[in-house]
Amino acid sequence: MKQPPFLKAGSTIGITCPSGYVSAERVAYAITVLEKWGFNVKQGKTIGSEHFYFSGTDSERLADLQTMMNDPELDAILMGRGGYGMSRIIDDLDLRAFLKKPKWVCGFSDITVLHNHLQACGNMASLHSPMCGAFKPETENEPYLQTLLAALTGTALQYETPPSPFNRHGEATAEVTGGNLAILAHLTGSVSEADTAGKILFIEDIGEHLYNADRMLLNLKRAGKLDNINALIVGGFTEMQDTERPFGQTIEEIISDKVKEYDYPVCFNFPAGHQDINYTLTLGATHKLVVGDNGGVLTLRP
């Protein structure tokens, strides 16, 4: 898979909000930190813009994202936030200029739509990463936020996870793909669906009922998305909900049950997703995963 050029001092990052509303105040400190890192910043028109739930109408959000995708002066695009809305504009996004001068697309949650679209329609790597809300005075030096800088500049990355009784030991070397579970299930059957064959699949989610997580995993399984992967990495599944009559399984048990007949490595407790500690993953890049008694180690291979 192709990768955009890495950034250096003086590179320019654009900020746009193609999904849910985000305030200008929430973006302001992110700009401060990006400038401390040595980058220039261009702000999109959707920062602080609002239209009901969204950061503008569909046409406004599409135009702002398209402008940044086309802009030859940009080296990366950081999303203001996720939420919902990317699916409403993705089919009208023109990738031709972007693929001539690609740039790193950074974000997670609803941005999973764009990540998978770039892989499916452009064979292009991108960054599953924190967005503007993660940049705060108390977090700017945190290791997880620094991994965004490292990924943007091509620095070697290695992640370690604690042991889990649900882990399955083994090794795999492959490209990483995936993102938000609800979005991955939502994209199934579309031009943007994830190609998981031969890949390390990463999943995470927030605020879902356990029965719905079970249903979404079944959706992926019935679509063949769990059959031929090289490994599974499970990120944060936060704020999970149960029904009045209990579902009867934890999220770890639900996930383990869906992959029990396969023999590839499975690594739980990966520190990425809808949680305070959200490390950057380079989707579309080759990583080596080793899962053993001491937990998991994921290494981005040069």
C-alpha atoms as a PDB file:
ATOM      1  CA  MET A   1       0.000   0.000   0.000  1.00  0.00           C
ATOM      2  CA  LYS A   2       1.236   3.515  -0.840  1.00  0.00           C
ATOM      3  CA  GLN A   3       2.095   6.043   1.871  1.00  0.00           C
ATOM      4  CA  PRO A   4       2.135   9.844   1.773  1.00  0.00           C
ATOM      5  CA  PRO A   5       5.515  11.533   2.381  1.00  0.00           C
ATOM      6  CA  PHE A   6       6.473  12.014   6.014  1.00  0.00           C
ATOM      7  CA  LEU A   7       6.386  15.514   7.501  1.00  0.00           C
ATOM      8  CA  LYS A   8       9.320  17.681   8.505  1.00  0.00           C
ATOM      9  CA  ALA A   9       9.703  21.084  10.163  1.00  0.00           C
ATOM     10  CA  GLY A  10       7.725  23.624   8.186  1.00  0.00           C
ATOM     11  CA  SER A  11       5.232  21.113   6.786  1.00  0.00           C
ATOM     12  CA  THR A  12       1.601  22.212   6.748  1.00  0.00           C
ATOM     13  CA  ILE A  13      -1.352  20.474   8.419  1.00  0.00           C
ATOM     14  CA  GLY A  14      -4.952  21.304   7.572  1.00  0.00           C
ATOM     15  CA  ILE A  15      -7.778  20.950  10.088  1.00  0.00           C
ATOM     16  CA  THR A  16     -11.317  20.236   8.924  1.00  0.00           C
ATOM     17  CA  CYS A  17     -14.512  18.841  10.471  1.00  0.00           C
ATOM     18  CA  PRO A  18     -16.280  16.524   8.019  1.00  0.00           C
ATOM     19  CA  SER A  19     -18.607  14.938  10.570  1.00  0.00           C
ATOM     20  CA  GLY A  20     -19.948  16.209  13.910  1.00  0.00           C
ATOM     21  CA  TYR A  21     -19.778  19.764  15.209  1.00  0.00           C
ATOM     22  CA  VAL A  22     -16.649  20.934  16.980  1.00  0.00           C
ATOM     23  CA  SER A  23     -16.117  24.320  18.546  1.00  0.00           C
ATOM     24  CA  ALA A  24     -13.307  26.650  17.534  1.00  0.00           C
ATOM     25  CA  GLU A  25     -12.173  26.635  21.180  1.00  0.00           C
ATOM     26  CA  ARG A  26     -11.695  22.876  21.096  1.00  0.00           C
ATOM     27  CA  VAL A  27      -9.474  23.194  18.029  1.00  0.00           C
ATOM     28  CA  ALA A  28      -7.443  26.182  19.269  1.00  0.00           C
ATOM     29  CA  TYR A  29      -5.099  24.283  21.592  1.00  0.00           C
ATOM     30  CA  ALA A  30      -4.463  21.619  18.973  1.00  0.00           C
ATOM     31  CA  ILE A  31      -3.227  24.376  16.681  1.00  0.00           C
ATOM     32  CA  THR A  32      -0.935  25.633  19.447  1.00  0.00           C
ATOM     33  CA  VAL A  33       0.643  22.196  19.898  1.00  0.00           C
ATOM     34  CA  LEU A  34       0.997  21.537  16.161  1.00  0.00           C
ATOM     35  CA  GLU A  35       2.833  24.823  15.838  1.00  0.00           C
ATOM     36  CA  LYS A  36       5.082  23.859  18.791  1.00  0.00           C
ATOM     37  CA  TRP A  37       5.883  20.693  16.844  1.00  0.00           C
ATOM     38  CA  GLY A  38       7.164  22.916  14.032  1.00  0.00           C
ATOM     39  CA  PHE A  39       4.243  22.680  11.630  1.00  0.00           C
ATOM     40  CA  ASN A  40       2.157  25.332   9.914  1.00  0.00           C
ATOM     41  CA  VAL A  41      -1.627  25.044  10.213  1.00  0.00           C
ATOM     42  CA  LYS A  42      -4.452  25.865   7.804  1.00  0.00           C
ATOM     43  CA  GLN A  43      -7.946  26.027   9.290  1.00  0.00           C
ATOM     44  CA  GLY A  44     -10.962  24.835   7.356  1.00  0.00           C
ATOM     45  CA  LYS A  45     -14.260  26.672   7.128  1.00  0.00           C
ATOM     46  CA  THR A  46     -16.061  23.955   9.110  1.00  0.00           C
ATOM     47  CA  ILE A  47     -14.214  24.697  12.364  1.00  0.00           C
ATOM     48  CA  GLY A  48     -16.867  26.178  14.644  1.00  0.00           C
ATOM     49  CA  SER A  49     -19.512  25.913  11.912  1.00  0.00           C
ATOM     50  CA  GLU A  50     -22.731  24.113  12.773  1.00  0.00           C
ATOM     51  CA  HIS A  51     -25.828  22.715  11.133  1.00  0.00           C
ATOM     52  CA  PHE A  52     -27.910  20.741  13.638  1.00  0.00           C
ATOM     53  CA  TYR A  53     -25.649  17.835  14.727  1.00  0.00           C
ATOM     54  CA  PHE A  54     -23.078  18.477  12.014  1.00  0.00           C
ATOM     55  CA  SER A  55     -20.256  20.945  11.435  1.00  0.00           C
ATOM     56  CA  GLY A  56     -22.135  22.359   8.449  1.00  0.00           C
ATOM     57  CA  THR A  57     -24.442  21.073   5.758  1.00  0.00           C
ATOM     58  CA  ASP A  58     -23.408  18.029   3.758  1.00  0.00           C
ATOM     59  CA  SER A  59     -22.337  20.270   0.872  1.00  0.00           C
ATOM     60  CA  GLU A  60     -20.338  22.573   3.182  1.00  0.00           C
ATOM     61  CA  ARG A  61     -18.529  19.682   4.861  1.00  0.00           C
ATOM     62  CA  LEU A  62     -17.813  18.017   1.523  1.00  0.00           C
ATOM     63  CA  ALA A  63     -16.465  21.251   0.039  1.00  0.00           C
ATOM     64  CA  ASP A  64     -14.160  21.870   3.010  1.00  0.00           C
ATOM     65  CA  LEU A  65     -12.812  18.320   2.991  1.00  0.00           C
ATOM     66  CA  GLN A  66     -12.424  18.347  -0.804  1.00  0.00           C
ATOM     67  CA  THR A  67     -10.503  21.635  -0.644  1.00  0.00           C
ATOM     68  CA  MET A  68      -8.060  20.133   1.834  1.00  0.00           C
ATOM     69  CA  MET A  69      -7.723  16.858  -0.064  1.00  0.00           C
ATOM     70  CA  ASN A  70      -6.878  18.845  -3.207  1.00  0.00           C
ATOM     71  CA  ASP A  71      -4.583  21.426  -1.594  1.00  0.00           C
ATOM     72  CA  PRO A  72      -0.997  20.811  -2.830  1.00  0.00           C
ATOM     73  CA  GLU A  73       0.417  22.870   0.063  1.00  0.00           C
ATOM     74  CA  LEU A  74      -0.916  20.471   2.716  1.00  0.00           C
ATOM     75  CA  ASP A  75       1.102  17.524   3.984  1.00  0.00           C
ATOM     76  CA  ALA A  76      -1.495  16.146   6.432  1.00  0.00           C
ATOM     77  CA  ILE A  77      -5.145  16.646   7.394  1.00  0.00           C
ATOM     78  CA  LEU A  78      -6.191  16.403  11.044  1.00  0.00           C
ATOM     79  CA  MET A  79      -9.896  15.933  11.701  1.00  0.00           C
ATOM     80  CA  GLY A  80     -11.567  18.141  14.305  1.00  0.00           C
ATOM     81  CA  ARG A  81     -13.687  15.286  15.634  1.00  0.00           C
ATOM     82  CA  GLY A  82     -15.645  12.210  14.612  1.00  0.00           C
ATOM     83  CA  GLY A  83     -19.259  11.661  15.569  1.00  0.00           C
ATOM     84  CA  TYR A  84     -21.311  11.013  12.463  1.00  0.00           C
ATOM     85  CA  GLY A  85     -21.558  12.424   8.964  1.00  0.00           C
ATOM     86  CA  MET A  86     -18.741  11.084   6.795  1.00  0.00           C
ATOM     87  CA  SER A  87     -20.957   8.436   5.198  1.00  0.00           C
ATOM     88  CA  ARG A  88     -23.265  11.196   3.943  1.00  0.00           C
ATOM     89  CA  ILE A  89     -20.522  12.755   1.808  1.00  0.00           C
ATOM     90  CA  ILE A  90     -18.005   9.997   1.050  1.00  0.00           C
ATOM     91  CA  ASP A  91     -19.439   8.971  -2.327  1.00  0.00           C
ATOM     92  CA  ASP A  92     -19.062  12.516  -3.667  1.00  0.00           C
ATOM     93  CA  LEU A  93     -15.431  12.859  -2.608  1.00  0.00           C
ATOM     94  CA  ASP A  94     -13.049  13.052  -5.585  1.00  0.00           C
ATOM     95  CA  LEU A  95      -9.679  11.435  -4.842  1.00  0.00           C
ATOM     96  CA  ARG A  96      -7.891  12.234  -8.115  1.00  0.00           C
ATOM     97  CA  ALA A  97      -5.956  15.310  -6.977  1.00  0.00           C
ATOM     98  CA  PHE A  98      -5.292  13.759  -3.559  1.00  0.00           C
ATOM     99  CA  LEU A  99      -3.717  10.665  -5.077  1.00  0.00           C
ATOM    100  CA  LYS A 100      -1.413  12.829  -7.215  1.00  0.00           C
ATOM    101  CA  LYS A 101      -0.233  14.650  -4.080  1.00  0.00           C
ATOM    102  CA  PRO A 102      -1.244  12.441  -1.115  1.00  0.00           C
ATOM    103  CA  LYS A 103      -1.173  13.611   2.495  1.00  0.00           C
ATOM    104  CA  TRP A 104      -1.677  11.882   5.830  1.00  0.00           C
ATOM    105  CA  VAL A 105      -5.318  11.740   6.927  1.00  0.00           C
ATOM    106  CA  CYS A 106      -5.518  11.644  10.728  1.00  0.00           C
ATOM    107  CA  GLY A 107      -8.477  10.747  12.952  1.00  0.00           C
ATOM    108  CA  PHE A 108     -10.623   7.904  14.247  1.00  0.00           C
ATOM    109  CA  SER A 109     -14.237   7.021  15.119  1.00  0.00           C
ATOM    110  CA  ASP A 110     -16.425   8.196  12.193  1.00  0.00           C
ATOM    111  CA  ILE A 111     -13.230   8.918  10.247  1.00  0.00           C
ATOM    112  CA  THR A 112     -12.992   5.122   9.889  1.00  0.00           C
ATOM    113  CA  VAL A 113     -15.226   5.674   6.846  1.00  0.00           C
ATOM    114  CA  LEU A 114     -12.545   7.792   5.168  1.00  0.00           C
ATOM    115  CA  HIS A 115      -9.672   5.536   6.236  1.00  0.00           C
ATOM    116  CA  ASN A 116     -11.288   2.513   4.629  1.00  0.00           C
ATOM    117  CA  HIS A 117     -12.363   4.483   1.572  1.00  0.00           C
ATOM    118  CA  LEU A 118      -8.749   5.590   1.018  1.00  0.00           C
ATOM    119  CA  GLN A 119      -7.567   2.002   1.273  1.00  0.00           C
ATOM    120  CA  ALA A 120     -10.330   0.573  -0.922  1.00  0.00           C
ATOM    121  CA  CYS A 121     -10.354   3.263  -3.614  1.00  0.00           C
ATOM    122  CA  GLY A 122      -6.855   4.727  -3.413  1.00  0.00           C
ATOM    123  CA  ASN A 123      -4.612   2.010  -1.939  1.00  0.00           C
ATOM    124  CA  MET A 124      -3.404   4.716   0.463  1.00  0.00           C
ATOM    125  CA  ALA A 125      -2.230   4.479   4.073  1.00  0.00           C
ATOM    126  CA  SER A 126      -3.577   6.819   6.768  1.00  0.00           C
ATOM    127  CA  LEU A 127      -3.390   7.382  10.531  1.00  0.00           C
ATOM    128  CA  HIS A 128      -5.929   6.113  13.074  1.00  0.00           C
ATOM    129  CA  SER A 129      -5.092   8.807  15.583  1.00  0.00           C
ATOM    130  CA  PRO A 130      -6.244  11.282  18.218  1.00  0.00           C
ATOM    131  CA  MET A 131      -8.130  14.341  16.959  1.00  0.00           C
ATOM    132  CA  CYS A 132      -8.274  17.946  18.127  1.00  0.00           C
ATOM    133  CA  GLY A 133     -10.038  17.262  21.426  1.00  0.00           C
ATOM    134  CA  ALA A 134      -7.071  15.204  22.634  1.00  0.00           C
ATOM    135  CA  PHE A 135      -4.761  18.225  22.633  1.00  0.00           C
ATOM    136  CA  LYS A 136      -4.780  19.805  26.090  1.00  0.00           C
ATOM    137  CA  PRO A 137      -2.131  21.434  28.301  1.00  0.00           C
ATOM    138  CA  GLU A 138      -2.074  18.344  30.511  1.00  0.00           C
ATOM    139  CA  THR A 139      -1.786  15.885  27.585  1.00  0.00           C
ATOM    140  CA  GLU A 140       0.510  17.498  25.031  1.00  0.00           C
ATOM    141  CA  ASN A 141       3.552  15.620  26.323  1.00  0.00           C
ATOM    142  CA  GLU A 142       1.783  12.325  26.940  1.00  0.00           C
ATOM    143  CA  PRO A 143       3.356   9.369  25.098  1.00  0.00           C
ATOM    144  CA  TYR A 144       0.140   8.484  23.266  1.00  0.00           C
ATOM    145  CA  LEU A 145      -0.153  11.961  21.754  1.00  0.00           C
ATOM    146  CA  GLN A 146       3.529  11.936  20.861  1.00  0.00           C
ATOM    147  CA  THR A 147       2.918   8.827  18.734  1.00  0.00           C
ATOM    148  CA  LEU A 148       0.945  11.032  16.332  1.00  0.00           C
ATOM    149  CA  LEU A 149       4.029  13.192  15.870  1.00  0.00           C
ATOM    150  CA  ALA A 150       6.171  10.085  15.497  1.00  0.00           C
ATOM    151  CA  ALA A 151       3.864   8.560  12.874  1.00  0.00           C
ATOM    152  CA  LEU A 152       3.688  11.819  10.913  1.00  0.00           C
ATOM    153  CA  THR A 153       7.472  12.164  10.825  1.00  0.00           C
ATOM    154  CA  GLY A 154       8.327   8.525  10.116  1.00  0.00           C
ATOM    155  CA  THR A 155       9.780   7.667  13.522  1.00  0.00           C
ATOM    156  CA  ALA A 156       9.866   3.993  14.548  1.00  0.00           C
ATOM    157  CA  LEU A 157       6.923   2.926  16.688  1.00  0.00           C
ATOM    158  CA  GLN A 158       6.435  -0.004  19.038  1.00  0.00           C
ATOM    159  CA  TYR A 159       3.494  -0.707  21.312  1.00  0.00           C
ATOM    160  CA  GLU A 160       3.232  -3.099  24.244  1.00  0.00           C
ATOM    161  CA  THR A 161       0.021  -4.456  25.755  1.00  0.00           C
ATOM    162  CA  PRO A 162      -0.513  -6.245  29.083  1.00  0.00           C
ATOM    163  CA  PRO A 163      -1.397  -9.934  29.242  1.00  0.00           C
ATOM    164  CA  SER A 164      -5.021 -10.951  28.909  1.00  0.00           C
ATOM    165  CA  PRO A 165      -6.641 -14.325  29.562  1.00  0.00           C
ATOM    166  CA  PHE A 166      -8.437 -13.817  26.252  1.00  0.00           C
ATOM    167  CA  ASN A 167      -5.243 -13.415  24.198  1.00  0.00           C
ATOM    168  CA  ARG A 168      -4.273 -16.100  21.720  1.00  0.00           C
ATOM    169  CA  HIS A 169      -0.524 -16.494  21.320  1.00  0.00           C
ATOM    170  CA  GLY A 170       1.273 -16.292  18.003  1.00  0.00           C
ATOM    171  CA  GLU A 171       3.003 -14.014  15.525  1.00  0.00           C
ATOM    172  CA  ALA A 172       1.885 -12.206  12.396  1.00  0.00           C
ATOM    173  CA  THR A 173       3.429  -9.715   9.995  1.00  0.00           C
ATOM    174  CA  ALA A 174       0.985  -7.855   7.767  1.00  0.00           C
ATOM    175  CA  GLU A 175      -0.658  -4.531   7.001  1.00  0.00           C
ATOM    176  CA  VAL A 176      -3.012  -3.206   9.685  1.00  0.00           C
ATOM    177  CA  THR A 177      -6.562  -2.273   8.751  1.00  0.00           C
ATOM    178  CA  GLY A 178      -9.816  -1.583  10.591  1.00  0.00           C
ATOM    179  CA  GLY A 179     -11.045   0.970  13.091  1.00  0.00           C
ATOM    180  CA  ASN A 180     -14.421   1.502  14.697  1.00  0.00           C
ATOM    181  CA  LEU A 181     -16.469  -1.720  14.787  1.00  0.00           C
ATOM    182  CA  ALA A 182     -19.817  -0.041  14.103  1.00  0.00           C
ATOM    183  CA  ILE A 183     -18.372   1.705  11.059  1.00  0.00           C
ATOM    184  CA  LEU A 184     -16.713  -1.455   9.742  1.00  0.00           C
ATOM    185  CA  ALA A 185     -20.045  -3.267   9.917  1.00  0.00           C
ATOM    186  CA  HIS A 186     -21.797  -0.256   8.360  1.00  0.00           C
ATOM    187  CA  LEU A 187     -19.380  -0.232   5.393  1.00  0.00           C
ATOM    188  CA  THR A 188     -19.867  -3.904   4.560  1.00  0.00           C
ATOM    189  CA  GLY A 189     -21.238  -4.235   1.039  1.00  0.00           C
ATOM    190  CA  SER A 190     -20.174  -0.719   0.008  1.00  0.00           C
ATOM    191  CA  VAL A 191     -17.291   0.461  -2.177  1.00  0.00           C
ATOM    192  CA  SER A 192     -15.549   1.513   1.042  1.00  0.00           C
ATOM    193  CA  GLU A 193     -15.697  -1.835   2.829  1.00  0.00           C
ATOM    194  CA  ALA A 194     -12.570  -3.122   4.534  1.00  0.00           C
ATOM    195  CA  ASP A 195     -10.435  -5.667   2.723  1.00  0.00           C
ATOM    196  CA  THR A 196      -9.276  -7.765   5.664  1.00  0.00           C
ATOM    197  CA  ALA A 197      -7.770 -10.752   3.841  1.00  0.00           C
ATOM    198  CA  GLY A 198      -4.177 -11.273   4.886  1.00  0.00           C
ATOM    199  CA  LYS A 199      -4.298  -8.228   7.189  1.00  0.00           C
ATOM    200  CA  ILE A 200      -4.030  -7.563  10.917  1.00  0.00           C
ATOM    201  CA  LEU A 201      -7.533  -6.362  11.814  1.00  0.00           C
ATOM    202  CA  PHE A 202      -7.929  -3.716  14.525  1.00  0.00           C
ATOM    203  CA  ILE A 203     -11.327  -3.024  16.151  1.00  0.00           C
ATOM    204  CA  GLU A 204     -12.622  -0.660  18.860  1.00  0.00           C
ATOM    205  CA  ASP A 205     -15.927   0.945  19.880  1.00  0.00           C
ATOM    206  CA  ILE A 206     -17.811   2.954  22.483  1.00  0.00           C
ATOM    207  CA  GLY A 207     -21.256   3.058  24.041  1.00  0.00           C
ATOM    208  CA  GLU A 208     -22.716   0.006  22.298  1.00  0.00           C
ATOM    209  CA  HIS A 209     -25.063  -2.500  23.836  1.00  0.00           C
ATOM    210  CA  LEU A 210     -23.431  -5.886  24.171  1.00  0.00           C
ATOM    211  CA  TYR A 211     -26.045  -7.548  21.970  1.00  0.00           C
ATOM    212  CA  ASN A 212     -25.368  -4.990  19.236  1.00  0.00           C
ATOM    213  CA  ALA A 213     -21.621  -5.594  19.401  1.00  0.00           C
ATOM    214  CA  ASP A 214     -22.414  -9.295  19.025  1.00  0.00           C
ATOM    215  CA  ARG A 215     -24.573  -8.502  15.981  1.00  0.00           C
ATOM    216  CA  MET A 216     -21.933  -6.303  14.349  1.00  0.00           C
ATOM    217  CA  LEU A 217     -19.251  -8.947  14.810  1.00  0.00           C
ATOM    218  CA  LEU A 218     -21.596 -11.512  13.289  1.00  0.00           C
ATOM    219  CA  ASN A 219     -22.092  -9.138  10.373  1.00  0.00           C
ATOM    220  CA  LEU A 220     -18.339  -9.046   9.777  1.00  0.00           C
ATOM    221  CA  LYS A 221     -18.057 -12.796  10.218  1.00  0.00           C
ATOM    222  CA  ARG A 222     -20.905 -13.584   7.810  1.00  0.00           C
ATOM    223  CA  ALA A 223     -19.280 -11.222   5.292  1.00  0.00           C
ATOM    224  CA  GLY A 224     -16.037 -13.201   5.543  1.00  0.00           C
ATOM    225  CA  LYS A 225     -14.132 -10.374   7.202  1.00  0.00           C
ATOM    226  CA  LEU A 226     -12.871 -12.571  10.070  1.00  0.00           C
ATOM    227  CA  ASP A 227     -12.032 -15.658   8.018  1.00  0.00           C
ATOM    228  CA  ASN A 228      -8.702 -14.880   6.401  1.00  0.00           C
ATOM    229  CA  ILE A 229      -7.081 -12.259   8.610  1.00  0.00           C
ATOM    230  CA  ASN A 230      -3.551 -12.794   9.934  1.00  0.00           C
ATOM    231  CA  ALA A 231      -4.311 -11.492  13.424  1.00  0.00           C
ATOM    232  CA  LEU A 232      -6.889  -9.573  15.452  1.00  0.00           C
ATOM    233  CA  ILE A 233      -6.093  -6.591  17.681  1.00  0.00           C
ATOM    234  CA  VAL A 234      -8.795  -5.492  20.111  1.00  0.00           C
ATOM    235  CA  GLY A 235      -8.636  -1.888  21.250  1.00  0.00           C
ATOM    236  CA  GLY A 236     -10.827  -0.068  23.709  1.00  0.00           C
ATOM    237  CA  PHE A 237     -14.457  -1.084  24.066  1.00  0.00           C
ATOM    238  CA  THR A 238     -15.543   1.618  26.469  1.00  0.00           C
ATOM    239  CA  GLU A 239     -18.869   2.475  28.104  1.00  0.00           C
ATOM    240  CA  MET A 240     -20.447  -0.782  26.938  1.00  0.00           C
ATOM    241  CA  GLN A 241     -24.066  -1.219  27.962  1.00  0.00           C
ATOM    242  CA  ASP A 242     -26.205  -4.199  28.851  1.00  0.00           C
ATOM    243  CA  THR A 243     -29.939  -4.706  28.585  1.00  0.00           C
ATOM    244  CA  GLU A 244     -32.346  -5.137  31.506  1.00  0.00           C
ATOM    245  CA  ARG A 245     -32.199  -8.851  30.869  1.00  0.00           C
ATOM    246  CA  PRO A 246     -28.416  -9.478  30.757  1.00  0.00           C
ATOM    247  CA  PHE A 247     -26.868 -10.544  27.473  1.00  0.00           C
ATOM    248  CA  GLY A 248     -24.766 -13.109  29.342  1.00  0.00           C
ATOM    249  CA  GLN A 249     -21.295 -12.424  27.954  1.00  0.00           C
ATOM    250  CA  THR A 250     -18.703  -9.720  28.447  1.00  0.00           C
ATOM    251  CA  ILE A 251     -17.358  -7.940  25.377  1.00  0.00           C
ATOM    252  CA  GLU A 252     -14.170  -9.991  25.645  1.00  0.00           C
ATOM    253  CA  GLU A 253     -16.209 -13.204  25.661  1.00  0.00           C
ATOM    254  CA  ILE A 254     -18.297 -12.001  22.719  1.00  0.00           C
ATOM    255  CA  ILE A 255     -15.214 -11.262  20.626  1.00  0.00           C
ATOM    256  CA  SER A 256     -13.452 -14.481  21.620  1.00  0.00           C
ATOM    257  CA  ASP A 257     -16.528 -16.495  20.712  1.00  0.00           C
ATOM    258  CA  LYS A 258     -16.604 -15.049  17.181  1.00  0.00           C
ATOM    259  CA  VAL A 259     -13.009 -16.073  16.420  1.00  0.00           C
ATOM    260  CA  LYS A 260     -12.748 -19.296  18.409  1.00  0.00           C
ATOM    261  CA  GLU A 261     -12.509 -21.559  15.344  1.00  0.00           C
ATOM    262  CA  TYR A 262      -9.589 -19.665  13.845  1.00  0.00           C
ATOM    263  CA  ASP A 263      -5.938 -20.067  14.819  1.00  0.00           C
ATOM    264  CA  TYR A 264      -4.524 -16.576  14.238  1.00  0.00           C
ATOM    265  CA  PRO A 265      -3.128 -14.483  17.124  1.00  0.00           C
ATOM    266  CA  VAL A 266      -5.555 -12.338  19.096  1.00  0.00           C
ATOM    267  CA  CYS A 267      -4.359  -9.394  21.193  1.00  0.00           C
ATOM    268  CA  PHE A 268      -6.683  -7.654  23.664  1.00  0.00           C
ATOM    269  CA  ASN A 269      -6.136  -4.421  25.617  1.00  0.00           C
ATOM    270  CA  PHE A 270      -4.522  -2.466  22.802  1.00  0.00           C
ATOM    271  CA  PRO A 271      -4.395   1.200  23.924  1.00  0.00           C
ATOM    272  CA  ALA A 272      -6.342   2.839  21.103  1.00  0.00           C
ATOM    273  CA  GLY A 273      -9.944   3.892  20.673  1.00  0.00           C
ATOM    274  CA  HIS A 274     -12.500   6.041  22.466  1.00  0.00           C
ATOM    275  CA  GLN A 275     -10.474   6.445  25.635  1.00  0.00           C
ATOM    276  CA  ASP A 276      -8.075   8.917  27.189  1.00  0.00           C
ATOM    277  CA  ILE A 277      -5.028   6.931  26.095  1.00  0.00           C
ATOM    278  CA  ASN A 278      -5.345   6.615  22.327  1.00  0.00           C
ATOM    279  CA  TYR A 279      -2.177   5.669  20.473  1.00  0.00           C
ATOM    280  CA  THR A 280      -1.732   6.294  16.740  1.00  0.00           C
ATOM    281  CA  LEU A 281      -1.841   3.331  14.346  1.00  0.00           C
ATOM    282  CA  THR A 282      -0.621   3.553  10.755  1.00  0.00           C
ATOM    283  CA  LEU A 283      -3.392   1.861   8.801  1.00  0.00           C
ATOM    284  CA  GLY A 284      -2.128   0.304   5.593  1.00  0.00           C
ATOM    285  CA  ALA A 285       1.439  -0.077   6.872  1.00  0.00           C
ATOM    286  CA  THR A 286       3.100  -3.404   7.668  1.00  0.00           C
ATOM    287  CA  HIS A 287       3.453  -4.251  11.356  1.00  0.00           C
ATOM    288  CA  LYS A 288       4.756  -7.264  13.243  1.00  0.00           C
ATOM    289  CA  LEU A 289       2.576  -8.542  16.089  1.00  0.00           C
ATOM    290  CA  VAL A 290       3.869 -10.957  18.725  1.00  0.00           C
ATOM    291  CA  VAL A 291       1.464 -12.237  21.396  1.00  0.00           C
ATOM    292  CA  GLY A 292       2.867 -14.294  24.258  1.00  0.00           C
ATOM    293  CA  ASP A 293       2.784 -14.854  28.002  1.00  0.00           C
ATOM    294  CA  ASN A 294       3.815 -11.263  28.715  1.00  0.00           C
ATOM    295  CA  GLY A 295       1.190  -9.707  26.481  1.00  0.00           C
ATOM    296  CA  GLY A 296       1.468  -8.308  22.995  1.00  0.00           C
ATOM    297  CA  VAL A 297       4.084  -6.292  21.127  1.00  0.00           C
ATOM    298  CA  LEU A 298       3.178  -4.504  17.907  1.00  0.00           C
ATOM    299  CA  THR A 299       6.031  -3.027  15.886  1.00  0.00           C
ATOM    300  CA  LEU A 300       5.706  -0.767  12.859  1.00  0.00           C
ATOM    301  CA  ARG A 301       8.159  -2.176  10.336  1.00  0.00           C
ATOM    302  CA  PRO A 302      10.151   0.325   8.239  1.00  0.00           C
END
